[in-house]
Amino acid sequence: RPGFPTAGLAARFGDSPDPERRRLALRDPELEPQLLDRLT
């Protein structure tokens, strides 16, 4: 949906055991480089 809030998704889902939720972290505009590297 347009306007869906993406800020904070990395903090909320970056360490989730669910891969679908971890993918949500990639939508966070403030995703930290370390987490992005870990997701790769």
ModelCIF file with pLDDT and N, C-alpha, C, O atoms, coordinates in Angstrom:
data_MODEL
#
_entry.id   MODEL 
#
_entity.id                         1 
_entity.type                       polymer 
_entity.pdbx_number_of_molecules   1 
#
_entity_poly.entity_id                      1 
_entity_poly.type                           'polypeptide(L)' 
_entity_poly.nstd_linkage                   no 
_entity_poly.nstd_monomer                   no 
_entity_poly.pdbx_seq_one_letter_code       RPGFPTAGLAARFGDSPDPERRRLALRDPELEPQLLDRLT 
_entity_poly.pdbx_seq_one_letter_code_can   RPGFPTAGLAARFGDSPDPERRRLALRDPELEPQLLDRLT 
_entity_poly.pdbx_strand_id                 A 
#
loop_
_entity_poly_seq.entity_id 
_entity_poly_seq.num 
_entity_poly_seq.mon_id 
_entity_poly_seq.hetero 
1 1  ARG n 
1 2  PRO n 
1 3  GLY n 
1 4  PHE n 
1 5  PRO n 
1 6  THR n 
1 7  ALA n 
1 8  GLY n 
1 9  LEU n 
1 10 ALA n 
1 11 ALA n 
1 12 ARG n 
1 13 PHE n 
1 14 GLY n 
1 15 ASP n 
1 16 SER n 
1 17 PRO n 
1 18 ASP n 
1 19 PRO n 
1 20 GLU n 
1 21 ARG n 
1 22 ARG n 
1 23 ARG n 
1 24 LEU n 
1 25 ALA n 
1 26 LEU n 
1 27 ARG n 
1 28 ASP n 
1 29 PRO n 
1 30 GLU n 
1 31 LEU n 
1 32 GLU n 
1 33 PRO n 
1 34 GLN n 
1 35 LEU n 
1 36 LEU n 
1 37 ASP n 
1 38 ARG n 
1 39 LEU n 
1 40 THR n 
#
_struct_asym.id          A 
_struct_asym.entity_id   1 
#
loop_
_ma_qa_metric.id 
_ma_qa_metric.mode 
_ma_qa_metric.name 
_ma_qa_metric.software_group_id 
_ma_qa_metric.type 
1 global pLDDT . pLDDT 
2 local  pLDDT . pLDDT 
#
_ma_qa_metric_global.metric_id      1 
_ma_qa_metric_global.metric_value   93.67 
_ma_qa_metric_global.model_id       1 
_ma_qa_metric_global.ordinal_id     1 
#
loop_
_ma_qa_metric_local.label_asym_id 
_ma_qa_metric_local.label_comp_id 
_ma_qa_metric_local.label_seq_id 
_ma_qa_metric_local.metric_id 
_ma_qa_metric_local.metric_value 
_ma_qa_metric_local.model_id 
_ma_qa_metric_local.ordinal_id 
A ARG 1  2 76.00 1 1  
A PRO 2  2 80.00 1 2  
A GLY 3  2 81.00 1 3  
A PHE 4  2 81.00 1 4  
A PRO 5  2 87.00 1 5  
A THR 6  2 91.00 1 6  
A ALA 7  2 93.00 1 7  
A GLY 8  2 95.00 1 8  
A LEU 9  2 94.00 1 9  
A ALA 10 2 96.00 1 10 
A ALA 11 2 95.00 1 11 
A ARG 12 2 95.00 1 12 
A PHE 13 2 94.00 1 13 
A GLY 14 2 96.00 1 14 
A ASP 15 2 95.00 1 15 
A SER 16 2 96.00 1 16 
A PRO 17 2 97.00 1 17 
A ASP 18 2 95.00 1 18 
A PRO 19 2 95.00 1 19 
A GLU 20 2 93.00 1 20 
A ARG 21 2 94.00 1 21 
A ARG 22 2 95.00 1 22 
A ARG 23 2 95.00 1 23 
A LEU 24 2 94.00 1 24 
A ALA 25 2 96.00 1 25 
A LEU 26 2 96.00 1 26 
A ARG 27 2 94.00 1 27 
A ASP 28 2 96.00 1 28 
A PRO 29 2 95.00 1 29 
A GLU 30 2 96.00 1 30 
A LEU 31 2 97.00 1 31 
A GLU 32 2 96.00 1 32 
A PRO 33 2 96.00 1 33 
A GLN 34 2 97.00 1 34 
A LEU 35 2 97.00 1 35 
A LEU 36 2 98.00 1 36 
A ASP 37 2 97.00 1 37 
A ARG 38 2 97.00 1 38 
A LEU 39 2 98.00 1 39 
A THR 40 2 98.00 1 40 
#
loop_
_atom_site.group_PDB 
_atom_site.id 
_atom_site.type_symbol 
_atom_site.label_atom_id 
_atom_site.label_alt_id 
_atom_site.label_comp_id 
_atom_site.label_asym_id 
_atom_site.label_entity_id 
_atom_site.label_seq_id 
_atom_site.pdbx_PDB_ins_code 
_atom_site.Cartn_x 
_atom_site.Cartn_y 
_atom_site.Cartn_z 
_atom_site.occupancy 
_atom_site.B_iso_or_equiv 
_atom_site.pdbx_formal_charge 
_atom_site.auth_seq_id 
_atom_site.auth_comp_id 
_atom_site.auth_asym_id 
_atom_site.auth_atom_id 
_atom_site.pdbx_PDB_model_num 
ATOM 1   N N  . ARG A 1 1  ? 0.832  -1.205  0.000  1.00 76.00 ? 1  ARG A N  1 
ATOM 2   C CA . ARG A 1 1  ? 0.000  0.000   0.000  1.00 76.00 ? 1  ARG A CA 1 
ATOM 3   C C  . ARG A 1 1  ? 0.866  1.253   0.000  1.00 76.00 ? 1  ARG A C  1 
ATOM 4   O O  . ARG A 1 1  ? 1.869  1.304   0.711  1.00 76.00 ? 1  ARG A O  1 
ATOM 5   N N  . PRO A 1 2  ? 0.501  2.259   -0.778 1.00 80.00 ? 2  PRO A N  1 
ATOM 6   C CA . PRO A 1 2  ? 1.242  3.526   -0.741 1.00 80.00 ? 2  PRO A CA 1 
ATOM 7   C C  . PRO A 1 2  ? 1.204  4.101   0.676  1.00 80.00 ? 2  PRO A C  1 
ATOM 8   O O  . PRO A 1 2  ? 0.174  4.066   1.348  1.00 80.00 ? 2  PRO A O  1 
ATOM 9   N N  . GLY A 1 3  ? 2.313  4.613   1.098  1.00 81.00 ? 3  GLY A N  1 
ATOM 10  C CA . GLY A 1 3  ? 2.380  5.229   2.425  1.00 81.00 ? 3  GLY A CA 1 
ATOM 11  C C  . GLY A 1 3  ? 2.616  4.246   3.553  1.00 81.00 ? 3  GLY A C  1 
ATOM 12  O O  . GLY A 1 3  ? 2.639  4.640   4.719  1.00 81.00 ? 3  GLY A O  1 
ATOM 13  N N  . PHE A 1 4  ? 2.796  2.954   3.226  1.00 81.00 ? 4  PHE A N  1 
ATOM 14  C CA . PHE A 1 4  ? 3.083  1.987   4.284  1.00 81.00 ? 4  PHE A CA 1 
ATOM 15  C C  . PHE A 1 4  ? 4.374  2.412   4.979  1.00 81.00 ? 4  PHE A C  1 
ATOM 16  O O  . PHE A 1 4  ? 5.379  2.650   4.309  1.00 81.00 ? 4  PHE A O  1 
ATOM 17  N N  . PRO A 1 5  ? 4.366  2.513   6.305  1.00 87.00 ? 5  PRO A N  1 
ATOM 18  C CA . PRO A 1 5  ? 5.572  2.984   7.011  1.00 87.00 ? 5  PRO A CA 1 
ATOM 19  C C  . PRO A 1 5  ? 6.697  1.950   6.960  1.00 87.00 ? 5  PRO A C  1 
ATOM 20  O O  . PRO A 1 5  ? 6.529  0.807   7.384  1.00 87.00 ? 5  PRO A O  1 
ATOM 21  N N  . THR A 1 6  ? 7.833  2.370   6.439  1.00 91.00 ? 6  THR A N  1 
ATOM 22  C CA . THR A 1 6  ? 8.962  1.448   6.325  1.00 91.00 ? 6  THR A CA 1 
ATOM 23  C C  . THR A 1 6  ? 10.061 1.732   7.338  1.00 91.00 ? 6  THR A C  1 
ATOM 24  O O  . THR A 1 6  ? 10.883 0.860   7.616  1.00 91.00 ? 6  THR A O  1 
ATOM 25  N N  . ALA A 1 7  ? 10.085 2.931   7.888  1.00 93.00 ? 7  ALA A N  1 
ATOM 26  C CA . ALA A 1 7  ? 11.102 3.264   8.893  1.00 93.00 ? 7  ALA A CA 1 
ATOM 27  C C  . ALA A 1 7  ? 10.931 2.351   10.102 1.00 93.00 ? 7  ALA A C  1 
ATOM 28  O O  . ALA A 1 7  ? 9.826  2.173   10.615 1.00 93.00 ? 7  ALA A O  1 
ATOM 29  N N  . GLY A 1 8  ? 12.026 1.788   10.538 1.00 95.00 ? 8  GLY A N  1 
ATOM 30  C CA . GLY A 1 8  ? 12.005 0.923   11.706 1.00 95.00 ? 8  GLY A CA 1 
ATOM 31  C C  . GLY A 1 8  ? 11.846 -0.558  11.396 1.00 95.00 ? 8  GLY A C  1 
ATOM 32  O O  . GLY A 1 8  ? 11.924 -1.391  12.298 1.00 95.00 ? 8  GLY A O  1 
ATOM 33  N N  . LEU A 1 9  ? 11.622 -0.896  10.126 1.00 94.00 ? 9  LEU A N  1 
ATOM 34  C CA . LEU A 1 9  ? 11.442 -2.309  9.789  1.00 94.00 ? 9  LEU A CA 1 
ATOM 35  C C  . LEU A 1 9  ? 12.714 -3.124  10.036 1.00 94.00 ? 9  LEU A C  1 
ATOM 36  O O  . LEU A 1 9  ? 12.633 -4.288  10.428 1.00 94.00 ? 9  LEU A O  1 
ATOM 37  N N  . ALA A 1 10 ? 13.876 -2.531  9.812  1.00 96.00 ? 10 ALA A N  1 
ATOM 38  C CA . ALA A 1 10 ? 15.131 -3.259  10.023 1.00 96.00 ? 10 ALA A CA 1 
ATOM 39  C C  . ALA A 1 10 ? 15.298 -3.618  11.489 1.00 96.00 ? 10 ALA A C  1 
ATOM 40  O O  . ALA A 1 10 ? 15.649 -4.751  11.820 1.00 96.00 ? 10 ALA A O  1 
ATOM 41  N N  . ALA A 1 11 ? 15.047 -2.659  12.366 1.00 95.00 ? 11 ALA A N  1 
ATOM 42  C CA . ALA A 1 11 ? 15.178 -2.921  13.801 1.00 95.00 ? 11 ALA A CA 1 
ATOM 43  C C  . ALA A 1 11 ? 14.156 -3.951  14.263 1.00 95.00 ? 11 ALA A C  1 
ATOM 44  O O  . ALA A 1 11 ? 14.435 -4.779  15.131 1.00 95.00 ? 11 ALA A O  1 
ATOM 45  N N  . ARG A 1 12 ? 12.994 -3.887  13.682 1.00 95.00 ? 12 ARG A N  1 
ATOM 46  C CA . ARG A 1 12 ? 11.914 -4.771  14.114 1.00 95.00 ? 12 ARG A CA 1 
ATOM 47  C C  . ARG A 1 12 ? 12.057 -6.198  13.576 1.00 95.00 ? 12 ARG A C  1 
ATOM 48  O O  . ARG A 1 12 ? 11.773 -7.161  14.288 1.00 95.00 ? 12 ARG A O  1 
ATOM 49  N N  . PHE A 1 13 ? 12.498 -6.335  12.322 1.00 94.00 ? 13 PHE A N  1 
ATOM 50  C CA . PHE A 1 13 ? 12.482 -7.651  11.687 1.00 94.00 ? 13 PHE A CA 1 
ATOM 51  C C  . PHE A 1 13 ? 13.845 -8.181  11.238 1.00 94.00 ? 13 PHE A C  1 
ATOM 52  O O  . PHE A 1 13 ? 13.924 -9.317  10.771 1.00 94.00 ? 13 PHE A O  1 
ATOM 53  N N  . GLY A 1 14 ? 14.904 -7.410  11.362 1.00 96.00 ? 14 GLY A N  1 
ATOM 54  C CA . GLY A 1 14 ? 16.215 -7.825  10.862 1.00 96.00 ? 14 GLY A CA 1 
ATOM 55  C C  . GLY A 1 14 ? 16.733 -9.121  11.437 1.00 96.00 ? 14 GLY A C  1 
ATOM 56  O O  . GLY A 1 14 ? 17.488 -9.832  10.774 1.00 96.00 ? 14 GLY A O  1 
ATOM 57  N N  . ASP A 1 15 ? 16.345 -9.446  12.655 1.00 95.00 ? 15 ASP A N  1 
ATOM 58  C CA . ASP A 1 15 ? 16.816 -10.673 13.308 1.00 95.00 ? 15 ASP A CA 1 
ATOM 59  C C  . ASP A 1 15 ? 15.716 -11.715 13.460 1.00 95.00 ? 15 ASP A C  1 
ATOM 60  O O  . ASP A 1 15 ? 15.871 -12.673 14.218 1.00 95.00 ? 15 ASP A O  1 
ATOM 61  N N  . SER A 1 16 ? 14.627 -11.543 12.760 1.00 96.00 ? 16 SER A N  1 
ATOM 62  C CA . SER A 1 16 ? 13.507 -12.473 12.867 1.00 96.00 ? 16 SER A CA 1 
ATOM 63  C C  . SER A 1 16 ? 13.906 -13.865 12.364 1.00 96.00 ? 16 SER A C  1 
ATOM 64  O O  . SER A 1 16 ? 14.693 -13.980 11.424 1.00 96.00 ? 16 SER A O  1 
ATOM 65  N N  . PRO A 1 17 ? 13.373 -14.911 12.978 1.00 97.00 ? 17 PRO A N  1 
ATOM 66  C CA . PRO A 1 17 ? 13.635 -16.253 12.456 1.00 97.00 ? 17 PRO A CA 1 
ATOM 67  C C  . PRO A 1 17 ? 12.889 -16.519 11.140 1.00 97.00 ? 17 PRO A C  1 
ATOM 68  O O  . PRO A 1 17 ? 13.201 -17.479 10.436 1.00 97.00 ? 17 PRO A O  1 
ATOM 69  N N  . ASP A 1 18 ? 11.918 -15.682 10.813 1.00 95.00 ? 18 ASP A N  1 
ATOM 70  C CA . ASP A 1 18 ? 11.112 -15.841 9.607  1.00 95.00 ? 18 ASP A CA 1 
ATOM 71  C C  . ASP A 1 18 ? 11.766 -15.074 8.447  1.00 95.00 ? 18 ASP A C  1 
ATOM 72  O O  . ASP A 1 18 ? 11.903 -13.853 8.530  1.00 95.00 ? 18 ASP A O  1 
ATOM 73  N N  . PRO A 1 19 ? 12.171 -15.760 7.367  1.00 95.00 ? 19 PRO A N  1 
ATOM 74  C CA . PRO A 1 19 ? 12.840 -15.063 6.258  1.00 95.00 ? 19 PRO A CA 1 
ATOM 75  C C  . PRO A 1 19 ? 11.967 -14.002 5.592  1.00 95.00 ? 19 PRO A C  1 
ATOM 76  O O  . PRO A 1 19 ? 12.489 -12.994 5.117  1.00 95.00 ? 19 PRO A O  1 
ATOM 77  N N  . GLU A 1 20 ? 10.671 -14.202 5.547  1.00 93.00 ? 20 GLU A N  1 
ATOM 78  C CA . GLU A 1 20 ? 9.784  -13.178 4.970  1.00 93.00 ? 20 GLU A CA 1 
ATOM 79  C C  . GLU A 1 20 ? 9.866  -11.893 5.781  1.00 93.00 ? 20 GLU A C  1 
ATOM 80  O O  . GLU A 1 20 ? 9.866  -10.801 5.213  1.00 93.00 ? 20 GLU A O  1 
ATOM 81  N N  . ARG A 1 21 ? 9.932  -12.009 7.070  1.00 94.00 ? 21 ARG A N  1 
ATOM 82  C CA . ARG A 1 21 ? 10.058 -10.816 7.927  1.00 94.00 ? 21 ARG A CA 1 
ATOM 83  C C  . ARG A 1 21 ? 11.439 -10.194 7.789  1.00 94.00 ? 21 ARG A C  1 
ATOM 84  O O  . ARG A 1 21 ? 11.566 -8.970  7.784  1.00 94.00 ? 21 ARG A O  1 
ATOM 85  N N  . ARG A 1 22 ? 12.485 -11.029 7.677  1.00 95.00 ? 22 ARG A N  1 
ATOM 86  C CA . ARG A 1 22 ? 13.833 -10.468 7.472  1.00 95.00 ? 22 ARG A CA 1 
ATOM 87  C C  . ARG A 1 22 ? 13.881 -9.674  6.174  1.00 95.00 ? 22 ARG A C  1 
ATOM 88  O O  . ARG A 1 22 ? 14.559 -8.649  6.102  1.00 95.00 ? 22 ARG A O  1 
ATOM 89  N N  . ARG A 1 23 ? 13.161 -10.138 5.139  1.00 95.00 ? 23 ARG A N  1 
ATOM 90  C CA . ARG A 1 23 ? 13.125 -9.398  3.870  1.00 95.00 ? 23 ARG A CA 1 
ATOM 91  C C  . ARG A 1 23 ? 12.493 -8.021  4.046  1.00 95.00 ? 23 ARG A C  1 
ATOM 92  O O  . ARG A 1 23 ? 12.842 -7.080  3.332  1.00 95.00 ? 23 ARG A O  1 
ATOM 93  N N  . LEU A 1 24 ? 11.567 -7.901  4.989  1.00 94.00 ? 24 LEU A N  1 
ATOM 94  C CA . LEU A 1 24 ? 10.960 -6.586  5.251  1.00 94.00 ? 24 LEU A CA 1 
ATOM 95  C C  . LEU A 1 24 ? 12.013 -5.567  5.683  1.00 94.00 ? 24 LEU A C  1 
ATOM 96  O O  . LEU A 1 24 ? 11.873 -4.376  5.408  1.00 94.00 ? 24 LEU A O  1 
ATOM 97  N N  . ALA A 1 25 ? 13.054 -6.027  6.350  1.00 96.00 ? 25 ALA A N  1 
ATOM 98  C CA . ALA A 1 25 ? 14.124 -5.122  6.794  1.00 96.00 ? 25 ALA A CA 1 
ATOM 99  C C  . ALA A 1 25 ? 14.744 -4.376  5.610  1.00 96.00 ? 25 ALA A C  1 
ATOM 100 O O  . ALA A 1 25 ? 15.215 -3.249  5.764  1.00 96.00 ? 25 ALA A O  1 
ATOM 101 N N  . LEU A 1 26 ? 14.744 -5.001  4.432  1.00 96.00 ? 26 LEU A N  1 
ATOM 102 C CA . LEU A 1 26 ? 15.326 -4.370  3.242  1.00 96.00 ? 26 LEU A CA 1 
ATOM 103 C C  . LEU A 1 26 ? 14.538 -3.146  2.792  1.00 96.00 ? 26 LEU A C  1 
ATOM 104 O O  . LEU A 1 26 ? 15.062 -2.325  2.039  1.00 96.00 ? 26 LEU A O  1 
ATOM 105 N N  . ARG A 1 27 ? 13.304 -3.007  3.231  1.00 94.00 ? 27 ARG A N  1 
ATOM 106 C CA . ARG A 1 27 ? 12.481 -1.853  2.858  1.00 94.00 ? 27 ARG A CA 1 
ATOM 107 C C  . ARG A 1 27 ? 12.771 -0.622  3.725  1.00 94.00 ? 27 ARG A C  1 
ATOM 108 O O  . ARG A 1 27 ? 12.324 0.481   3.411  1.00 94.00 ? 27 ARG A O  1 
ATOM 109 N N  . ASP A 1 28 ? 13.510 -0.815  4.799  1.00 96.00 ? 28 ASP A N  1 
ATOM 110 C CA . ASP A 1 28 ? 13.789 0.282   5.724  1.00 96.00 ? 28 ASP A CA 1 
ATOM 111 C C  . ASP A 1 28 ? 14.803 1.240   5.103  1.00 96.00 ? 28 ASP A C  1 
ATOM 112 O O  . ASP A 1 28 ? 15.904 0.820   4.748  1.00 96.00 ? 28 ASP A O  1 
ATOM 113 N N  . PRO A 1 29 ? 14.451 2.522   4.966  1.00 95.00 ? 29 PRO A N  1 
ATOM 114 C CA . PRO A 1 29 ? 15.400 3.478   4.370  1.00 95.00 ? 29 PRO A CA 1 
ATOM 115 C C  . PRO A 1 29 ? 16.643 3.703   5.225  1.00 95.00 ? 29 PRO A C  1 
ATOM 116 O O  . PRO A 1 29 ? 17.640 4.238   4.740  1.00 95.00 ? 29 PRO A O  1 
ATOM 117 N N  . GLU A 1 30 ? 16.592 3.306   6.474  1.00 96.00 ? 30 GLU A N  1 
ATOM 118 C CA . GLU A 1 30 ? 17.737 3.491   7.367  1.00 96.00 ? 30 GLU A CA 1 
ATOM 119 C C  . GLU A 1 30 ? 18.418 2.169   7.702  1.00 96.00 ? 30 GLU A C  1 
ATOM 120 O O  . GLU A 1 30 ? 19.073 2.045   8.738  1.00 96.00 ? 30 GLU A O  1 
ATOM 121 N N  . LEU A 1 31 ? 18.264 1.196   6.835  1.00 97.00 ? 31 LEU A N  1 
ATOM 122 C CA . LEU A 1 31 ? 18.899 -0.107  7.019  1.00 97.00 ? 31 LEU A CA 1 
ATOM 123 C C  . LEU A 1 31 ? 20.402 0.077   7.176  1.00 97.00 ? 31 LEU A C  1 
ATOM 124 O O  . LEU A 1 31 ? 21.044 0.719   6.346  1.00 97.00 ? 31 LEU A O  1 
ATOM 125 N N  . GLU A 1 32 ? 20.957 -0.485  8.235  1.00 96.00 ? 32 GLU A N  1 
ATOM 126 C CA . GLU A 1 32 ? 22.393 -0.337  8.487  1.00 96.00 ? 32 GLU A CA 1 
ATOM 127 C C  . GLU A 1 32 ? 23.196 -1.246  7.559  1.00 96.00 ? 32 GLU A C  1 
ATOM 128 O O  . GLU A 1 32 ? 22.766 -2.357  7.249  1.00 96.00 ? 32 GLU A O  1 
ATOM 129 N N  . PRO A 1 33 ? 24.356 -0.776  7.118  1.00 96.00 ? 33 PRO A N  1 
ATOM 130 C CA . PRO A 1 33 ? 25.177 -1.568  6.191  1.00 96.00 ? 33 PRO A CA 1 
ATOM 131 C C  . PRO A 1 33 ? 25.524 -2.965  6.714  1.00 96.00 ? 33 PRO A C  1 
ATOM 132 O O  . PRO A 1 33 ? 25.601 -3.917  5.937  1.00 96.00 ? 33 PRO A O  1 
ATOM 133 N N  . GLN A 1 34 ? 25.730 -3.088  8.017  1.00 97.00 ? 34 GLN A N  1 
ATOM 134 C CA . GLN A 1 34 ? 26.083 -4.396  8.581  1.00 97.00 ? 34 GLN A CA 1 
ATOM 135 C C  . GLN A 1 34 ? 24.940 -5.394  8.416  1.00 97.00 ? 34 GLN A C  1 
ATOM 136 O O  . GLN A 1 34 ? 25.165 -6.561  8.098  1.00 97.00 ? 34 GLN A O  1 
ATOM 137 N N  . LEU A 1 35 ? 23.710 -4.921  8.636  1.00 97.00 ? 35 LEU A N  1 
ATOM 138 C CA . LEU A 1 35 ? 22.562 -5.812  8.481  1.00 97.00 ? 35 LEU A CA 1 
ATOM 139 C C  . LEU A 1 35 ? 22.369 -6.163  7.005  1.00 97.00 ? 35 LEU A C  1 
ATOM 140 O O  . LEU A 1 35 ? 22.076 -7.312  6.677  1.00 97.00 ? 35 LEU A O  1 
ATOM 141 N N  . LEU A 1 36 ? 22.529 -5.199  6.129  1.00 98.00 ? 36 LEU A N  1 
ATOM 142 C CA . LEU A 1 36 ? 22.406 -5.472  4.695  1.00 98.00 ? 36 LEU A CA 1 
ATOM 143 C C  . LEU A 1 36 ? 23.432 -6.527  4.280  1.00 98.00 ? 36 LEU A C  1 
ATOM 144 O O  . LEU A 1 36 ? 23.100 -7.460  3.550  1.00 98.00 ? 36 LEU A O  1 
ATOM 145 N N  . ASP A 1 37 ? 24.664 -6.383  4.739  1.00 97.00 ? 37 ASP A N  1 
ATOM 146 C CA . ASP A 1 37 ? 25.695 -7.366  4.426  1.00 97.00 ? 37 ASP A CA 1 
ATOM 147 C C  . ASP A 1 37 ? 25.301 -8.740  4.960  1.00 97.00 ? 37 ASP A C  1 
ATOM 148 O O  . ASP A 1 37 ? 25.454 -9.744  4.265  1.00 97.00 ? 37 ASP A O  1 
ATOM 149 N N  . ARG A 1 38 ? 24.803 -8.786  6.172  1.00 97.00 ? 38 ARG A N  1 
ATOM 150 C CA . ARG A 1 38 ? 24.391 -10.066 6.761  1.00 97.00 ? 38 ARG A CA 1 
ATOM 151 C C  . ARG A 1 38 ? 23.257 -10.707 5.951  1.00 97.00 ? 38 ARG A C  1 
ATOM 152 O O  . ARG A 1 38 ? 23.237 -11.924 5.766  1.00 97.00 ? 38 ARG A O  1 
ATOM 153 N N  . LEU A 1 39 ? 22.329 -9.899  5.475  1.00 98.00 ? 39 LEU A N  1 
ATOM 154 C CA . LEU A 1 39 ? 21.229 -10.436 4.679  1.00 98.00 ? 39 LEU A CA 1 
ATOM 155 C C  . LEU A 1 39 ? 21.718 -10.988 3.340  1.00 98.00 ? 39 LEU A C  1 
ATOM 156 O O  . LEU A 1 39 ? 21.085 -11.882 2.778  1.00 98.00 ? 39 LEU A O  1 
ATOM 157 N N  . THR A 1 40 ? 22.841 -10.469 2.818  1.00 98.00 ? 40 THR A N  1 
ATOM 158 C CA . THR A 1 40 ? 23.394 -11.021 1.575  1.00 98.00 ? 40 THR A CA 1 
ATOM 159 C C  . THR A 1 40 ? 24.070 -12.356 1.814  1.00 98.00 ? 40 THR A C  1 
ATOM 160 O O  . THR A 1 40 ? 24.590 -12.961 0.876  1.00 98.00 ? 40 THR A O  1 
#
